[in-house]
Structures are given as structure tokens and as C-alpha cells.
């Protein structure tokens, strides 16, 4: 997740600094996924173009997953996806209505959806001695939303090594086409 100072109380980096940092790290593109807002997008695009980086337009929205509110990274992949992001960002800021499974199905042609593996829906399963409940949840999500990506962290602590290993193993054994596509640290 890449948050700027536009994510109030959750991000402190200016848009310019974020873009310059991505360029310094050798990235050719960078995504902005501020929490519930797209206010920084015009500035973000301007700085990306100035620095020769490809801007990826995104936003972090709330997704209701089996009665659990989870953060969901939404990245526009075309013009329709951009409009979908604007619409649902506005809905969440005015009506406080989280995304539903149906919302994701309607937006799947224009938006990539990434559920971070560290989220309230999976959290309790990470504390268990095995991955059976986590496997059930991931398989249920894949059955309903085969286009949903699960983003894993590159954190190297023992806890994350264990949980990332579980998630990768579950997808390796899954009959669904969805897989762990990439790390959120690489977006």
C-alpha cells in the first residue's frame, strides 16, 4: 500500500517525495493508493510524468468480507476502472457503504482488486496452529471472486514467513486459477 499525506493520520510522505523515492529505487511505475481518497491523483500524475514514471491510479477502500470489514487495494486498469474508483470512493466517503462482492464483480473488467494478506478477515487464522481455516476462507473467496488477488507482505519476521508460506501453499494446491500475484511492497 502506498499512502501519501493525503491519507490523513496514516501517511506522511508528500506526493513529490513518494515519486522521487520510487525513482531513486529504480521503479518504472508507482501506484498511489491513499485511504478512501483520490484527492492526490492530479498531483501524483503531474510528478510521475515529470520524473518519467508510469502512474498507477488507485485507492484503498473498505470491503465487507463475510461480515468483516477489510482494506482492499483497488487499481484502475482502464478508463472504466478509473470511473469505478471515483464512484466507489465517493460512495464510501458520503454514504459510508463498504464494497460488496457484487461491487467487485461489476468492476472486475476495469479494476485490479488486491486483498492484503494482513487483514481482519484472515487475522484470527494466523494465530492457529494450522492453516485449515485460512485455506477454507481463501478457497471461498476464490470461488466467489476468482479475479481477486491476495497481496503478501515482504516482511521477514518469523510470523510473516509462516503466514506467507501458508498462503503460498494454499494457492499452490488450489483448484482455482487465482494465485498470489505479487507483493504489495512491489506495487
N, C-alpha and C. Protein backbone atom coordinates (compact mmCIF):
# COMPACT_ATOMS: atom_id res chain seq x y z
N UNK A 1 0.84 -1.17 0.00
CA UNK A 1 0.00 0.00 0.00
C UNK A 1 0.89 1.23 0.00
N UNK A 2 0.62 2.13 -0.87
CA UNK A 2 1.39 3.36 -0.95
C UNK A 2 0.46 4.50 -0.59
N UNK A 3 0.69 5.04 0.59
CA UNK A 3 -0.13 6.15 1.08
C UNK A 3 0.71 7.41 1.14
N UNK A 4 0.08 8.50 0.80
CA UNK A 4 0.74 9.81 0.89
C UNK A 4 0.14 10.58 2.06
N UNK A 5 0.54 11.82 2.16
CA UNK A 5 -0.01 12.69 3.21
C UNK A 5 -1.51 12.94 3.01
N UNK A 6 -2.05 12.58 1.85
CA UNK A 6 -3.49 12.72 1.63
C UNK A 6 -4.29 11.69 2.44
N UNK A 7 -3.63 10.63 2.90
CA UNK A 7 -4.27 9.65 3.79
C UNK A 7 -4.11 10.19 5.21
N UNK A 8 -5.06 10.97 5.63
CA UNK A 8 -4.96 11.67 6.91
C UNK A 8 -4.66 10.71 8.05
N UNK A 9 -3.66 11.05 8.84
CA UNK A 9 -3.20 10.32 10.01
C UNK A 9 -2.64 8.93 9.69
N UNK A 10 -2.48 8.61 8.40
CA UNK A 10 -1.96 7.30 8.02
C UNK A 10 -0.77 7.36 7.08
N UNK A 11 -0.54 8.51 6.48
CA UNK A 11 0.59 8.69 5.58
C UNK A 11 1.18 10.06 5.80
N UNK A 12 2.49 10.16 5.70
CA UNK A 12 3.13 11.46 5.93
C UNK A 12 3.95 11.93 4.74
N UNK A 13 4.23 11.07 3.80
CA UNK A 13 5.09 11.41 2.67
C UNK A 13 4.33 12.27 1.66
N UNK A 14 4.99 13.32 1.20
CA UNK A 14 4.39 14.14 0.16
C UNK A 14 4.37 13.34 -1.15
N UNK A 15 3.51 13.75 -2.05
CA UNK A 15 3.43 13.09 -3.35
C UNK A 15 4.78 13.21 -4.07
N UNK A 16 5.36 14.38 -4.05
CA UNK A 16 6.64 14.59 -4.73
C UNK A 16 7.71 13.65 -4.15
N UNK A 17 7.79 13.57 -2.84
CA UNK A 17 8.80 12.70 -2.21
C UNK A 17 8.54 11.23 -2.53
N UNK A 18 7.28 10.84 -2.55
CA UNK A 18 6.92 9.45 -2.88
C UNK A 18 7.40 9.10 -4.29
N UNK A 19 7.15 9.98 -5.24
CA UNK A 19 7.56 9.73 -6.63
C UNK A 19 9.08 9.73 -6.75
N UNK A 20 9.74 10.67 -6.10
CA UNK A 20 11.20 10.72 -6.15
C UNK A 20 11.83 9.48 -5.51
N UNK A 21 11.23 8.99 -4.42
CA UNK A 21 11.73 7.78 -3.77
C UNK A 21 11.57 6.57 -4.69
N UNK A 22 10.44 6.46 -5.36
CA UNK A 22 10.22 5.35 -6.29
C UNK A 22 11.26 5.40 -7.42
N UNK A 23 11.52 6.58 -7.93
CA UNK A 23 12.52 6.73 -8.99
C UNK A 23 13.91 6.36 -8.48
N UNK A 24 14.25 6.81 -7.28
CA UNK A 24 15.56 6.50 -6.70
C UNK A 24 15.75 5.00 -6.49
N UNK A 25 14.65 4.28 -6.23
CA UNK A 25 14.71 2.84 -6.04
C UNK A 25 14.73 2.08 -7.38
N UNK A 26 14.63 2.80 -8.48
CA UNK A 26 14.71 2.17 -9.79
C UNK A 26 13.38 1.71 -10.37
N UNK A 27 12.28 2.12 -9.77
CA UNK A 27 10.97 1.72 -10.29
C UNK A 27 10.67 2.48 -11.58
N UNK A 28 9.94 1.84 -12.47
CA UNK A 28 9.50 2.50 -13.70
C UNK A 28 8.04 2.93 -13.59
N UNK A 29 7.35 2.40 -12.58
CA UNK A 29 5.96 2.79 -12.31
C UNK A 29 5.75 2.77 -10.81
N UNK A 30 4.73 3.49 -10.39
CA UNK A 30 4.40 3.55 -8.96
C UNK A 30 2.89 3.77 -8.83
N UNK A 31 2.30 3.15 -7.82
CA UNK A 31 0.86 3.29 -7.56
C UNK A 31 0.65 4.18 -6.36
N UNK A 32 -0.41 4.94 -6.40
CA UNK A 32 -0.84 5.71 -5.24
C UNK A 32 -2.16 5.12 -4.78
N UNK A 33 -2.20 4.66 -3.53
CA UNK A 33 -3.42 4.02 -3.00
C UNK A 33 -3.77 4.64 -1.66
N UNK A 34 -4.07 5.92 -1.68
CA UNK A 34 -4.46 6.59 -0.44
C UNK A 34 -5.76 6.01 0.09
N UNK A 35 -5.91 6.08 1.38
CA UNK A 35 -7.07 5.51 2.08
C UNK A 35 -8.31 6.37 1.86
N UNK A 36 -9.29 5.82 1.14
CA UNK A 36 -10.61 6.42 0.92
C UNK A 36 -10.59 7.75 0.17
N UNK A 37 -9.48 8.11 -0.44
CA UNK A 37 -9.43 9.38 -1.17
C UNK A 37 -8.58 9.27 -2.43
N UNK A 38 -9.00 10.03 -3.42
CA UNK A 38 -8.23 10.14 -4.66
C UNK A 38 -7.80 11.59 -4.87
N UNK A 39 -7.82 12.37 -3.83
CA UNK A 39 -7.51 13.80 -3.92
C UNK A 39 -6.10 14.08 -4.42
N UNK A 40 -5.15 13.20 -4.17
CA UNK A 40 -3.77 13.42 -4.58
C UNK A 40 -3.46 12.99 -6.00
N UNK A 41 -4.42 12.41 -6.70
CA UNK A 41 -4.16 11.85 -8.03
C UNK A 41 -3.67 12.89 -9.04
N UNK A 42 -4.28 14.08 -9.17
CA UNK A 42 -3.76 15.04 -10.16
C UNK A 42 -2.28 15.40 -9.90
N UNK A 43 -1.94 15.68 -8.64
CA UNK A 43 -0.56 15.99 -8.28
C UNK A 43 0.36 14.79 -8.54
N UNK A 44 -0.13 13.61 -8.23
CA UNK A 44 0.63 12.37 -8.44
C UNK A 44 0.96 12.17 -9.91
N UNK A 45 -0.02 12.33 -10.77
CA UNK A 45 0.20 12.18 -12.21
C UNK A 45 1.20 13.20 -12.71
N UNK A 46 1.07 14.44 -12.26
CA UNK A 46 1.99 15.51 -12.68
C UNK A 46 3.43 15.17 -12.33
N UNK A 47 3.68 14.74 -11.09
CA UNK A 47 5.04 14.41 -10.67
C UNK A 47 5.56 13.16 -11.36
N UNK A 48 4.71 12.17 -11.57
CA UNK A 48 5.15 10.96 -12.28
C UNK A 48 5.59 11.29 -13.70
N UNK A 49 4.79 12.07 -14.41
CA UNK A 49 5.13 12.46 -15.77
C UNK A 49 6.44 13.25 -15.78
N UNK A 50 6.58 14.17 -14.84
CA UNK A 50 7.79 14.99 -14.75
C UNK A 50 9.04 14.12 -14.53
N UNK A 51 8.90 13.04 -13.74
CA UNK A 51 10.04 12.18 -13.41
C UNK A 51 10.17 10.96 -14.32
N UNK A 52 9.28 10.84 -15.31
CA UNK A 52 9.37 9.74 -16.25
C UNK A 52 8.89 8.41 -15.71
N UNK A 53 8.01 8.42 -14.72
CA UNK A 53 7.44 7.19 -14.16
C UNK A 53 6.01 7.00 -14.64
N UNK A 54 5.60 5.76 -14.75
CA UNK A 54 4.23 5.45 -15.12
C UNK A 54 3.36 5.50 -13.86
N UNK A 55 2.36 6.39 -13.81
CA UNK A 55 1.50 6.45 -12.63
C UNK A 55 0.41 5.37 -12.67
N UNK A 56 0.22 4.67 -11.57
CA UNK A 56 -0.86 3.69 -11.44
C UNK A 56 -1.86 4.30 -10.46
N UNK A 57 -3.06 4.52 -10.94
CA UNK A 57 -4.08 5.20 -10.13
C UNK A 57 -4.84 4.18 -9.31
N UNK A 58 -4.86 4.43 -8.00
CA UNK A 58 -5.55 3.51 -7.11
C UNK A 58 -6.12 4.20 -5.89
N UNK A 59 -6.75 3.40 -5.08
CA UNK A 59 -7.33 3.86 -3.83
C UNK A 59 -7.53 2.65 -2.93
N UNK A 60 -7.44 2.84 -1.64
CA UNK A 60 -7.76 1.78 -0.67
C UNK A 60 -9.17 2.02 -0.16
N UNK A 61 -10.04 1.05 -0.41
CA UNK A 61 -11.43 1.14 0.02
C UNK A 61 -11.73 0.04 1.02
N UNK A 62 -12.89 0.12 1.65
CA UNK A 62 -13.33 -0.91 2.58
C UNK A 62 -14.17 -1.94 1.84
N UNK A 63 -13.93 -3.21 2.15
CA UNK A 63 -14.64 -4.34 1.53
C UNK A 63 -15.25 -5.18 2.64
N UNK A 64 -16.53 -5.46 2.54
CA UNK A 64 -17.21 -6.29 3.53
C UNK A 64 -17.08 -7.75 3.12
N UNK A 65 -16.28 -8.47 3.87
CA UNK A 65 -15.96 -9.87 3.57
C UNK A 65 -16.51 -10.75 4.69
N UNK A 66 -17.64 -11.42 4.43
CA UNK A 66 -18.31 -12.25 5.44
C UNK A 66 -18.45 -11.51 6.77
N UNK A 67 -19.05 -10.34 6.73
CA UNK A 67 -19.32 -9.51 7.93
C UNK A 67 -18.06 -8.93 8.56
N UNK A 68 -16.93 -9.00 7.88
CA UNK A 68 -15.69 -8.41 8.38
C UNK A 68 -15.25 -7.32 7.42
N UNK A 69 -15.01 -6.13 7.96
CA UNK A 69 -14.56 -5.01 7.15
C UNK A 69 -13.06 -5.10 6.92
N UNK A 70 -12.65 -5.13 5.66
CA UNK A 70 -11.23 -5.30 5.30
C UNK A 70 -10.79 -4.20 4.35
N UNK A 71 -9.51 -3.82 4.43
CA UNK A 71 -8.99 -2.88 3.43
C UNK A 71 -8.82 -3.62 2.10
N UNK A 72 -9.10 -2.94 1.01
CA UNK A 72 -8.96 -3.53 -0.32
C UNK A 72 -8.28 -2.51 -1.22
N UNK A 73 -7.18 -2.90 -1.82
CA UNK A 73 -6.48 -2.04 -2.76
C UNK A 73 -7.17 -2.18 -4.11
N UNK A 74 -7.52 -1.06 -4.71
CA UNK A 74 -8.21 -1.04 -6.00
C UNK A 74 -7.36 -0.22 -6.97
N UNK A 75 -6.93 -0.84 -8.08
CA UNK A 75 -6.08 -0.19 -9.07
C UNK A 75 -6.80 -0.13 -10.40
N UNK A 76 -6.92 1.06 -10.95
CA UNK A 76 -7.58 1.23 -12.25
C UNK A 76 -6.69 0.67 -13.35
N UNK A 77 -7.29 -0.10 -14.25
CA UNK A 77 -6.52 -0.63 -15.38
C UNK A 77 -6.99 -0.06 -16.71
N UNK A 78 -8.07 0.73 -16.67
CA UNK A 78 -8.54 1.40 -17.87
C UNK A 78 -9.45 2.56 -17.46
N UNK A 79 -10.00 3.23 -18.46
CA UNK A 79 -10.86 4.40 -18.22
C UNK A 79 -12.08 4.05 -17.37
N UNK A 80 -12.72 2.92 -17.69
CA UNK A 80 -13.89 2.50 -16.90
C UNK A 80 -13.51 2.22 -15.46
N UNK A 81 -12.33 1.64 -15.27
CA UNK A 81 -11.85 1.37 -13.91
C UNK A 81 -11.62 2.65 -13.13
N UNK A 82 -11.08 3.66 -13.79
CA UNK A 82 -10.88 4.96 -13.14
C UNK A 82 -12.21 5.53 -12.66
N UNK A 83 -13.23 5.45 -13.51
CA UNK A 83 -14.56 5.94 -13.12
C UNK A 83 -15.15 5.11 -11.98
N UNK A 84 -14.90 3.80 -12.01
CA UNK A 84 -15.36 2.93 -10.92
C UNK A 84 -14.72 3.37 -9.59
N UNK A 85 -13.41 3.66 -9.63
CA UNK A 85 -12.71 4.11 -8.41
C UNK A 85 -13.32 5.41 -7.88
N UNK A 86 -13.54 6.36 -8.76
CA UNK A 86 -14.12 7.64 -8.35
C UNK A 86 -15.49 7.43 -7.72
N UNK A 87 -16.31 6.64 -8.39
CA UNK A 87 -17.68 6.40 -7.89
C UNK A 87 -17.66 5.77 -6.51
N UNK A 88 -16.88 4.71 -6.34
CA UNK A 88 -16.90 3.99 -5.06
C UNK A 88 -16.15 4.72 -3.96
N UNK A 89 -15.17 5.51 -4.32
CA UNK A 89 -14.51 6.36 -3.33
C UNK A 89 -15.51 7.39 -2.80
N UNK A 90 -16.29 7.98 -3.70
CA UNK A 90 -17.31 8.94 -3.30
C UNK A 90 -18.39 8.30 -2.43
N UNK A 91 -18.82 7.10 -2.82
CA UNK A 91 -19.84 6.39 -2.04
C UNK A 91 -19.34 6.12 -0.62
N UNK A 92 -18.10 5.67 -0.51
CA UNK A 92 -17.58 5.36 0.83
C UNK A 92 -17.38 6.61 1.68
N UNK A 93 -17.09 7.72 1.05
CA UNK A 93 -16.90 8.95 1.81
C UNK A 93 -18.20 9.65 2.16
N UNK A 94 -19.27 9.39 1.43
CA UNK A 94 -20.54 10.05 1.72
C UNK A 94 -21.53 9.13 2.42
N UNK A 95 -21.71 7.93 1.89
CA UNK A 95 -22.70 7.01 2.45
C UNK A 95 -22.12 6.02 3.45
N UNK A 96 -20.77 5.94 3.49
CA UNK A 96 -20.07 5.01 4.40
C UNK A 96 -20.45 3.55 4.12
N UNK A 97 -20.74 3.24 2.85
CA UNK A 97 -21.12 1.89 2.45
C UNK A 97 -19.90 1.15 1.91
N UNK A 98 -19.50 0.04 2.55
CA UNK A 98 -18.35 -0.71 2.05
C UNK A 98 -18.67 -1.45 0.76
N UNK A 99 -17.62 -1.83 0.06
CA UNK A 99 -17.78 -2.61 -1.16
C UNK A 99 -18.36 -3.98 -0.83
N UNK A 100 -19.19 -4.49 -1.71
CA UNK A 100 -19.74 -5.83 -1.59
C UNK A 100 -19.11 -6.71 -2.66
N UNK A 101 -19.35 -7.99 -2.57
CA UNK A 101 -18.89 -8.92 -3.59
C UNK A 101 -19.45 -8.51 -4.96
N UNK A 102 -20.71 -8.09 -5.00
CA UNK A 102 -21.33 -7.66 -6.26
C UNK A 102 -20.64 -6.44 -6.85
N UNK A 103 -20.20 -5.50 -5.99
CA UNK A 103 -19.47 -4.33 -6.49
C UNK A 103 -18.19 -4.75 -7.19
N UNK A 104 -17.48 -5.71 -6.61
CA UNK A 104 -16.24 -6.18 -7.20
C UNK A 104 -16.50 -6.89 -8.53
N UNK A 105 -17.53 -7.68 -8.59
CA UNK A 105 -17.88 -8.38 -9.83
C UNK A 105 -18.18 -7.36 -10.93
N UNK A 106 -18.90 -6.29 -10.59
CA UNK A 106 -19.23 -5.25 -11.58
C UNK A 106 -18.00 -4.48 -12.03
N UNK A 107 -16.99 -4.36 -11.17
CA UNK A 107 -15.81 -3.58 -11.52
C UNK A 107 -14.64 -4.36 -12.06
N UNK A 108 -14.77 -5.68 -12.14
CA UNK A 108 -13.61 -6.54 -12.45
C UNK A 108 -12.97 -6.30 -13.81
N UNK A 109 -13.69 -5.74 -14.77
CA UNK A 109 -13.11 -5.51 -16.09
C UNK A 109 -12.23 -4.26 -16.13
N UNK A 110 -12.37 -3.39 -15.14
CA UNK A 110 -11.61 -2.16 -15.16
C UNK A 110 -10.70 -1.94 -13.96
N UNK A 111 -10.76 -2.86 -13.00
CA UNK A 111 -10.02 -2.66 -11.75
C UNK A 111 -9.35 -3.96 -11.32
N UNK A 112 -8.12 -3.86 -10.86
CA UNK A 112 -7.47 -4.98 -10.17
C UNK A 112 -7.76 -4.80 -8.69
N UNK A 113 -8.21 -5.86 -8.04
CA UNK A 113 -8.52 -5.84 -6.61
C UNK A 113 -7.49 -6.68 -5.87
N UNK A 114 -6.89 -6.10 -4.85
CA UNK A 114 -5.86 -6.79 -4.08
C UNK A 114 -6.23 -6.74 -2.60
N UNK A 115 -6.46 -7.91 -2.04
CA UNK A 115 -6.75 -8.02 -0.62
C UNK A 115 -5.43 -8.30 0.10
N UNK A 116 -4.96 -7.36 0.91
CA UNK A 116 -3.71 -7.63 1.64
C UNK A 116 -3.88 -8.85 2.54
N UNK A 117 -2.87 -9.69 2.60
CA UNK A 117 -2.98 -10.89 3.44
C UNK A 117 -3.09 -10.53 4.92
N UNK A 118 -2.55 -9.39 5.31
CA UNK A 118 -2.68 -8.94 6.69
C UNK A 118 -3.94 -8.09 6.74
N UNK A 119 -5.04 -8.73 7.17
CA UNK A 119 -6.34 -8.06 7.24
C UNK A 119 -7.18 -8.71 8.33
N UNK A 120 -8.21 -8.03 8.79
CA UNK A 120 -9.04 -8.59 9.88
C UNK A 120 -9.72 -9.92 9.55
N UNK A 121 -10.00 -10.18 8.28
CA UNK A 121 -10.67 -11.41 7.88
C UNK A 121 -9.78 -12.63 8.09
N UNK A 122 -8.50 -12.51 7.79
CA UNK A 122 -7.55 -13.62 7.96
C UNK A 122 -6.89 -13.65 9.34
N UNK A 123 -6.89 -12.52 10.03
CA UNK A 123 -6.08 -12.33 11.23
C UNK A 123 -6.19 -13.45 12.27
N UNK A 124 -7.40 -13.83 12.64
CA UNK A 124 -7.55 -14.85 13.69
C UNK A 124 -6.99 -16.21 13.24
N UNK A 125 -7.01 -16.48 11.95
CA UNK A 125 -6.50 -17.75 11.45
C UNK A 125 -4.98 -17.84 11.52
N UNK A 126 -4.31 -16.71 11.49
CA UNK A 126 -2.85 -16.70 11.60
C UNK A 126 -2.38 -17.12 12.99
N UNK A 127 -3.25 -17.04 13.97
CA UNK A 127 -2.87 -17.40 15.34
C UNK A 127 -3.09 -18.88 15.64
N UNK A 128 -3.67 -19.59 14.70
CA UNK A 128 -3.98 -21.01 14.90
C UNK A 128 -2.77 -21.87 14.53
N UNK A 129 -2.72 -23.09 15.05
CA UNK A 129 -1.55 -23.95 14.79
C UNK A 129 -1.46 -24.48 13.36
N UNK A 130 -2.57 -24.45 12.60
CA UNK A 130 -2.52 -24.93 11.22
C UNK A 130 -3.30 -23.97 10.32
N UNK A 131 -3.29 -24.25 9.04
CA UNK A 131 -3.88 -23.32 8.07
C UNK A 131 -5.22 -23.78 7.52
N UNK A 132 -5.92 -24.70 8.18
CA UNK A 132 -7.17 -25.22 7.64
C UNK A 132 -8.25 -24.15 7.48
N UNK A 133 -8.46 -23.32 8.51
CA UNK A 133 -9.48 -22.28 8.42
C UNK A 133 -9.10 -21.21 7.40
N UNK A 134 -7.82 -20.88 7.35
CA UNK A 134 -7.34 -19.92 6.37
C UNK A 134 -7.56 -20.47 4.96
N UNK A 135 -7.28 -21.75 4.77
CA UNK A 135 -7.49 -22.39 3.48
C UNK A 135 -8.96 -22.33 3.07
N UNK A 136 -9.86 -22.58 4.01
CA UNK A 136 -11.30 -22.51 3.72
C UNK A 136 -11.68 -21.10 3.27
N UNK A 137 -11.19 -20.09 3.98
CA UNK A 137 -11.53 -18.71 3.63
C UNK A 137 -11.00 -18.33 2.26
N UNK A 138 -9.76 -18.68 1.98
CA UNK A 138 -9.17 -18.34 0.68
C UNK A 138 -9.89 -19.06 -0.44
N UNK A 139 -10.21 -20.33 -0.24
CA UNK A 139 -10.94 -21.08 -1.27
C UNK A 139 -12.34 -20.53 -1.49
N UNK A 140 -12.99 -20.07 -0.42
CA UNK A 140 -14.31 -19.45 -0.55
C UNK A 140 -14.21 -18.16 -1.36
N UNK A 141 -13.22 -17.33 -1.03
CA UNK A 141 -13.01 -16.09 -1.79
C UNK A 141 -12.73 -16.39 -3.25
N UNK A 142 -11.90 -17.37 -3.53
CA UNK A 142 -11.57 -17.71 -4.91
C UNK A 142 -12.77 -18.23 -5.69
N UNK A 143 -13.64 -18.94 -5.00
CA UNK A 143 -14.85 -19.45 -5.67
C UNK A 143 -15.78 -18.29 -6.05
N UNK A 144 -15.87 -17.30 -5.17
CA UNK A 144 -16.76 -16.15 -5.41
C UNK A 144 -16.12 -15.10 -6.30
N UNK A 145 -14.81 -14.88 -6.11
CA UNK A 145 -14.10 -13.80 -6.79
C UNK A 145 -12.78 -14.31 -7.37
N UNK A 146 -12.82 -15.11 -8.42
CA UNK A 146 -11.58 -15.71 -8.94
C UNK A 146 -10.58 -14.68 -9.47
N UNK A 147 -11.00 -13.45 -9.67
CA UNK A 147 -10.12 -12.38 -10.16
C UNK A 147 -9.46 -11.61 -9.01
N UNK A 148 -9.83 -11.91 -7.77
CA UNK A 148 -9.27 -11.22 -6.61
C UNK A 148 -7.84 -11.69 -6.36
N UNK A 149 -6.94 -10.75 -6.18
CA UNK A 149 -5.55 -11.08 -5.89
C UNK A 149 -5.33 -10.97 -4.39
N UNK A 150 -4.48 -11.80 -3.86
CA UNK A 150 -4.07 -11.72 -2.46
C UNK A 150 -2.65 -11.16 -2.46
N UNK A 151 -2.47 -10.02 -1.83
CA UNK A 151 -1.15 -9.40 -1.76
C UNK A 151 -0.46 -9.83 -0.48
N UNK A 152 0.77 -10.25 -0.60
CA UNK A 152 1.51 -10.67 0.59
C UNK A 152 2.63 -9.68 0.89
N UNK A 153 2.95 -9.58 2.14
CA UNK A 153 4.00 -8.67 2.56
C UNK A 153 5.37 -9.30 2.37
N UNK A 154 6.37 -8.47 2.25
CA UNK A 154 7.74 -8.97 2.17
C UNK A 154 8.42 -8.91 3.54
N UNK A 155 7.65 -8.70 4.58
CA UNK A 155 8.20 -8.68 5.94
C UNK A 155 8.92 -10.00 6.19
N UNK A 156 10.06 -9.95 6.83
CA UNK A 156 10.88 -11.15 7.02
C UNK A 156 10.81 -11.73 8.43
N UNK A 157 9.94 -11.21 9.28
CA UNK A 157 9.85 -11.77 10.63
C UNK A 157 9.33 -13.20 10.56
N UNK A 158 9.56 -13.96 11.61
CA UNK A 158 9.14 -15.37 11.64
C UNK A 158 7.62 -15.49 11.45
N UNK A 159 6.87 -14.57 12.03
CA UNK A 159 5.42 -14.60 11.90
C UNK A 159 5.01 -14.51 10.43
N UNK A 160 5.55 -13.52 9.71
CA UNK A 160 5.17 -13.34 8.32
C UNK A 160 5.71 -14.44 7.42
N UNK A 161 6.86 -15.00 7.74
CA UNK A 161 7.37 -16.12 6.96
C UNK A 161 6.38 -17.28 7.05
N UNK A 162 5.86 -17.53 8.24
CA UNK A 162 4.90 -18.61 8.43
C UNK A 162 3.61 -18.33 7.67
N UNK A 163 3.04 -17.15 7.86
CA UNK A 163 1.75 -16.85 7.23
C UNK A 163 1.88 -16.77 5.71
N UNK A 164 2.95 -16.16 5.21
CA UNK A 164 3.14 -16.10 3.76
C UNK A 164 3.31 -17.51 3.18
N UNK A 165 4.02 -18.36 3.91
CA UNK A 165 4.19 -19.75 3.48
C UNK A 165 2.86 -20.47 3.39
N UNK A 166 2.00 -20.26 4.38
CA UNK A 166 0.67 -20.88 4.35
C UNK A 166 -0.10 -20.43 3.12
N UNK A 167 -0.12 -19.12 2.87
CA UNK A 167 -0.88 -18.58 1.75
C UNK A 167 -0.36 -19.13 0.42
N UNK A 168 0.94 -19.14 0.25
CA UNK A 168 1.52 -19.68 -0.99
C UNK A 168 1.18 -21.15 -1.16
N UNK A 169 1.24 -21.92 -0.09
CA UNK A 169 0.93 -23.35 -0.17
C UNK A 169 -0.54 -23.58 -0.50
N UNK A 170 -1.42 -22.77 0.07
CA UNK A 170 -2.85 -22.89 -0.21
C UNK A 170 -3.12 -22.65 -1.69
N UNK A 171 -2.50 -21.61 -2.26
CA UNK A 171 -2.71 -21.33 -3.67
C UNK A 171 -2.07 -22.38 -4.56
N UNK A 172 -0.97 -22.93 -4.15
CA UNK A 172 -0.31 -23.98 -4.94
C UNK A 172 -1.21 -25.21 -5.05
N UNK A 173 -2.02 -25.46 -4.03
CA UNK A 173 -2.91 -26.63 -4.01
C UNK A 173 -4.32 -26.31 -4.50
N UNK A 174 -4.61 -25.05 -4.75
CA UNK A 174 -5.96 -24.62 -5.09
C UNK A 174 -6.34 -25.05 -6.49
N UNK A 175 -7.62 -25.39 -6.65
CA UNK A 175 -8.12 -25.73 -7.98
C UNK A 175 -8.56 -24.47 -8.74
N UNK A 176 -8.55 -23.31 -8.08
CA UNK A 176 -8.95 -22.07 -8.70
C UNK A 176 -7.77 -21.42 -9.38
N UNK A 177 -8.06 -20.58 -10.39
CA UNK A 177 -6.99 -20.00 -11.19
C UNK A 177 -6.28 -18.85 -10.50
N UNK A 178 -6.86 -18.27 -9.47
CA UNK A 178 -6.25 -17.14 -8.79
C UNK A 178 -5.01 -17.59 -8.02
N UNK A 179 -4.02 -16.75 -7.98
CA UNK A 179 -2.79 -17.08 -7.26
C UNK A 179 -2.25 -15.82 -6.62
N UNK A 180 -1.28 -15.99 -5.76
CA UNK A 180 -0.60 -14.84 -5.19
C UNK A 180 0.16 -14.20 -6.35
N UNK A 181 -0.22 -13.03 -6.73
CA UNK A 181 0.32 -12.40 -7.93
C UNK A 181 1.60 -11.62 -7.65
N UNK A 182 1.61 -10.87 -6.58
CA UNK A 182 2.78 -10.06 -6.29
C UNK A 182 2.71 -9.55 -4.87
N UNK A 183 3.80 -9.02 -4.44
CA UNK A 183 3.86 -8.44 -3.11
C UNK A 183 3.36 -7.02 -3.16
N UNK A 184 2.61 -6.59 -2.15
CA UNK A 184 2.17 -5.21 -2.09
C UNK A 184 3.35 -4.25 -2.01
N UNK A 185 4.49 -4.73 -1.53
CA UNK A 185 5.66 -3.87 -1.44
C UNK A 185 6.22 -3.55 -2.82
N UNK A 186 5.78 -4.26 -3.85
CA UNK A 186 6.31 -4.06 -5.20
C UNK A 186 5.36 -3.27 -6.10
N UNK A 187 4.17 -2.91 -5.62
CA UNK A 187 3.23 -2.17 -6.46
C UNK A 187 3.79 -0.80 -6.74
